[in-house]
Amino acid sequence: MGSVANSVSDEIGHFFQTKKGLCQEDSLSPFFQIIVADMLTIFTNRAKEEGQLSGVMPHLVHGGLLVLQYTNNTIALMENDLEQA
């Protein structure tokens, strides 16, 4: 059992305890990571369409860029607005 927190713009949020989890070596781990990353993309795109989020670099990517994914890493890119995050 561990304690984790989220960091947004170098501000660390409240810590919370982890209970049960999936080990990185588990054979199902990559599938769950893909499902979670896909759902994050769906939710952020929906929020962008509704005007709740704005992507960064709209001059390079139509509508702005919100999510980057590479192997088992997901990066959410947003304007510097804590309420949006």
C-alpha atoms as a PDB file:
ATOM      1  CA  MET A   1       0.000   0.000   0.000  1.00  0.00           C
ATOM      2  CA  GLY A   2       1.361   3.404  -0.892  1.00  0.00           C
ATOM      3  CA  SER A   3       0.530   7.082  -0.902  1.00  0.00           C
ATOM      4  CA  VAL A   4       0.278   9.080  -4.148  1.00  0.00           C
ATOM      5  CA  ALA A   5      -0.705  12.589  -5.262  1.00  0.00           C
ATOM      6  CA  ASN A   6      -1.268  14.451  -8.513  1.00  0.00           C
ATOM      7  CA  SER A   7       0.921  17.349  -9.579  1.00  0.00           C
ATOM      8  CA  VAL A   8      -0.475  20.188 -11.703  1.00  0.00           C
ATOM      9  CA  SER A   9       1.851  23.056 -12.671  1.00  0.00           C
ATOM     10  CA  ASP A  10       4.230  22.146  -9.847  1.00  0.00           C
ATOM     11  CA  GLU A  11       1.399  22.280  -7.285  1.00  0.00           C
ATOM     12  CA  ILE A  12       1.010  18.972  -5.481  1.00  0.00           C
ATOM     13  CA  GLY A  13      -2.562  17.993  -4.620  1.00  0.00           C
ATOM     14  CA  HIS A  14      -3.848  16.000  -1.677  1.00  0.00           C
ATOM     15  CA  PHE A  15      -2.219  12.642  -1.029  1.00  0.00           C
ATOM     16  CA  PHE A  16      -4.385   9.536  -1.018  1.00  0.00           C
ATOM     17  CA  GLN A  17      -3.765   5.909  -0.145  1.00  0.00           C
ATOM     18  CA  THR A  18      -3.661   3.205  -2.785  1.00  0.00           C
ATOM     19  CA  LYS A  19      -5.400  -0.031  -1.904  1.00  0.00           C
ATOM     20  CA  LYS A  20      -5.313  -2.704  -4.581  1.00  0.00           C
ATOM     21  CA  GLY A  21      -3.717  -2.331  -7.931  1.00  0.00           C
ATOM     22  CA  LEU A  22      -2.318  -3.915 -10.994  1.00  0.00           C
ATOM     23  CA  CYS A  23       1.377  -4.730 -11.124  1.00  0.00           C
ATOM     24  CA  GLN A  24       3.286  -3.454 -14.118  1.00  0.00           C
ATOM     25  CA  GLU A  25       4.440  -7.021 -14.818  1.00  0.00           C
ATOM     26  CA  ASP A  26       0.858  -8.322 -14.964  1.00  0.00           C
ATOM     27  CA  SER A  27      -0.062  -9.588 -18.442  1.00  0.00           C
ATOM     28  CA  LEU A  28      -3.318  -7.569 -18.431  1.00  0.00           C
ATOM     29  CA  SER A  29      -1.607  -4.307 -17.499  1.00  0.00           C
ATOM     30  CA  PRO A  30      -1.047  -3.044 -21.090  1.00  0.00           C
ATOM     31  CA  PHE A  31      -4.712  -3.603 -21.958  1.00  0.00           C
ATOM     32  CA  PHE A  32      -5.925  -1.636 -18.948  1.00  0.00           C
ATOM     33  CA  GLN A  33      -3.487   1.179 -19.739  1.00  0.00           C
ATOM     34  CA  ILE A  34      -4.845   1.388 -23.290  1.00  0.00           C
ATOM     35  CA  ILE A  35      -8.464   1.413 -22.080  1.00  0.00           C
ATOM     36  CA  VAL A  36      -7.789   4.174 -19.547  1.00  0.00           C
ATOM     37  CA  ALA A  37      -5.801   6.254 -22.062  1.00  0.00           C
ATOM     38  CA  ASP A  38      -8.550   5.874 -24.677  1.00  0.00           C
ATOM     39  CA  MET A  39     -11.226   6.950 -22.203  1.00  0.00           C
ATOM     40  CA  LEU A  40      -9.121   9.964 -21.196  1.00  0.00           C
ATOM     41  CA  THR A  41      -8.895  10.930 -24.865  1.00  0.00           C
ATOM     42  CA  ILE A  42     -12.664  10.547 -25.338  1.00  0.00           C
ATOM     43  CA  PHE A  43     -13.472  12.615 -22.239  1.00  0.00           C
ATOM     44  CA  THR A  44     -10.992  15.379 -23.051  1.00  0.00           C
ATOM     45  CA  ASN A  45     -12.200  15.598 -26.663  1.00  0.00           C
ATOM     46  CA  ARG A  46     -15.797  15.815 -25.460  1.00  0.00           C
ATOM     47  CA  ALA A  47     -14.872  18.552 -22.974  1.00  0.00           C
ATOM     48  CA  LYS A  48     -12.997  20.408 -25.744  1.00  0.00           C
ATOM     49  CA  GLU A  49     -16.059  20.255 -28.036  1.00  0.00           C
ATOM     50  CA  GLU A  50     -18.225  21.640 -25.211  1.00  0.00           C
ATOM     51  CA  GLY A  51     -15.792  24.504 -24.594  1.00  0.00           C
ATOM     52  CA  GLN A  52     -14.708  23.306 -21.144  1.00  0.00           C
ATOM     53  CA  LEU A  53     -11.091  22.681 -22.191  1.00  0.00           C
ATOM     54  CA  SER A  54      -8.815  24.292 -24.699  1.00  0.00           C
ATOM     55  CA  GLY A  55      -5.863  22.542 -26.264  1.00  0.00           C
ATOM     56  CA  VAL A  56      -2.384  23.957 -26.586  1.00  0.00           C
ATOM     57  CA  MET A  57      -0.712  24.841 -29.886  1.00  0.00           C
ATOM     58  CA  PRO A  58      -3.893  25.495 -31.902  1.00  0.00           C
ATOM     59  CA  HIS A  59      -1.707  27.093 -34.578  1.00  0.00           C
ATOM     60  CA  LEU A  60      -0.056  23.689 -35.204  1.00  0.00           C
ATOM     61  CA  VAL A  61      -2.915  21.235 -34.561  1.00  0.00           C
ATOM     62  CA  HIS A  62      -6.533  21.978 -35.492  1.00  0.00           C
ATOM     63  CA  GLY A  63      -8.437  22.522 -32.235  1.00  0.00           C
ATOM     64  CA  GLY A  64      -5.282  22.269 -30.166  1.00  0.00           C
ATOM     65  CA  LEU A  65      -3.488  19.291 -28.689  1.00  0.00           C
ATOM     66  CA  LEU A  66      -4.790  17.755 -25.456  1.00  0.00           C
ATOM     67  CA  VAL A  67      -3.374  14.237 -25.114  1.00  0.00           C
ATOM     68  CA  LEU A  68      -0.104  12.624 -26.211  1.00  0.00           C
ATOM     69  CA  GLN A  69       0.394   8.876 -25.848  1.00  0.00           C
ATOM     70  CA  TYR A  70       3.529   6.816 -26.289  1.00  0.00           C
ATOM     71  CA  THR A  71       3.872   3.206 -25.106  1.00  0.00           C
ATOM     72  CA  ASN A  72       2.645   3.268 -21.494  1.00  0.00           C
ATOM     73  CA  ASN A  73       2.906   7.054 -21.009  1.00  0.00           C
ATOM     74  CA  THR A  74       0.057   9.524 -21.346  1.00  0.00           C
ATOM     75  CA  ILE A  75       0.559  13.279 -21.147  1.00  0.00           C
ATOM     76  CA  ALA A  76      -2.376  15.677 -20.880  1.00  0.00           C
ATOM     77  CA  LEU A  77      -1.591  19.129 -22.310  1.00  0.00           C
ATOM     78  CA  MET A  78      -3.813  22.050 -21.314  1.00  0.00           C
ATOM     79  CA  GLU A  79      -3.720  25.781 -20.904  1.00  0.00           C
ATOM     80  CA  ASN A  80      -2.367  26.970 -17.557  1.00  0.00           C
ATOM     81  CA  ASP A  81      -5.792  27.010 -15.884  1.00  0.00           C
ATOM     82  CA  LEU A  82      -6.185  25.058 -12.640  1.00  0.00           C
ATOM     83  CA  GLU A  83      -9.998  25.051 -12.889  1.00  0.00           C
ATOM     84  CA  GLN A  84      -9.837  23.388 -16.307  1.00  0.00           C
ATOM     85  CA  ALA A  85      -7.376  20.796 -14.997  1.00  0.00           C
END
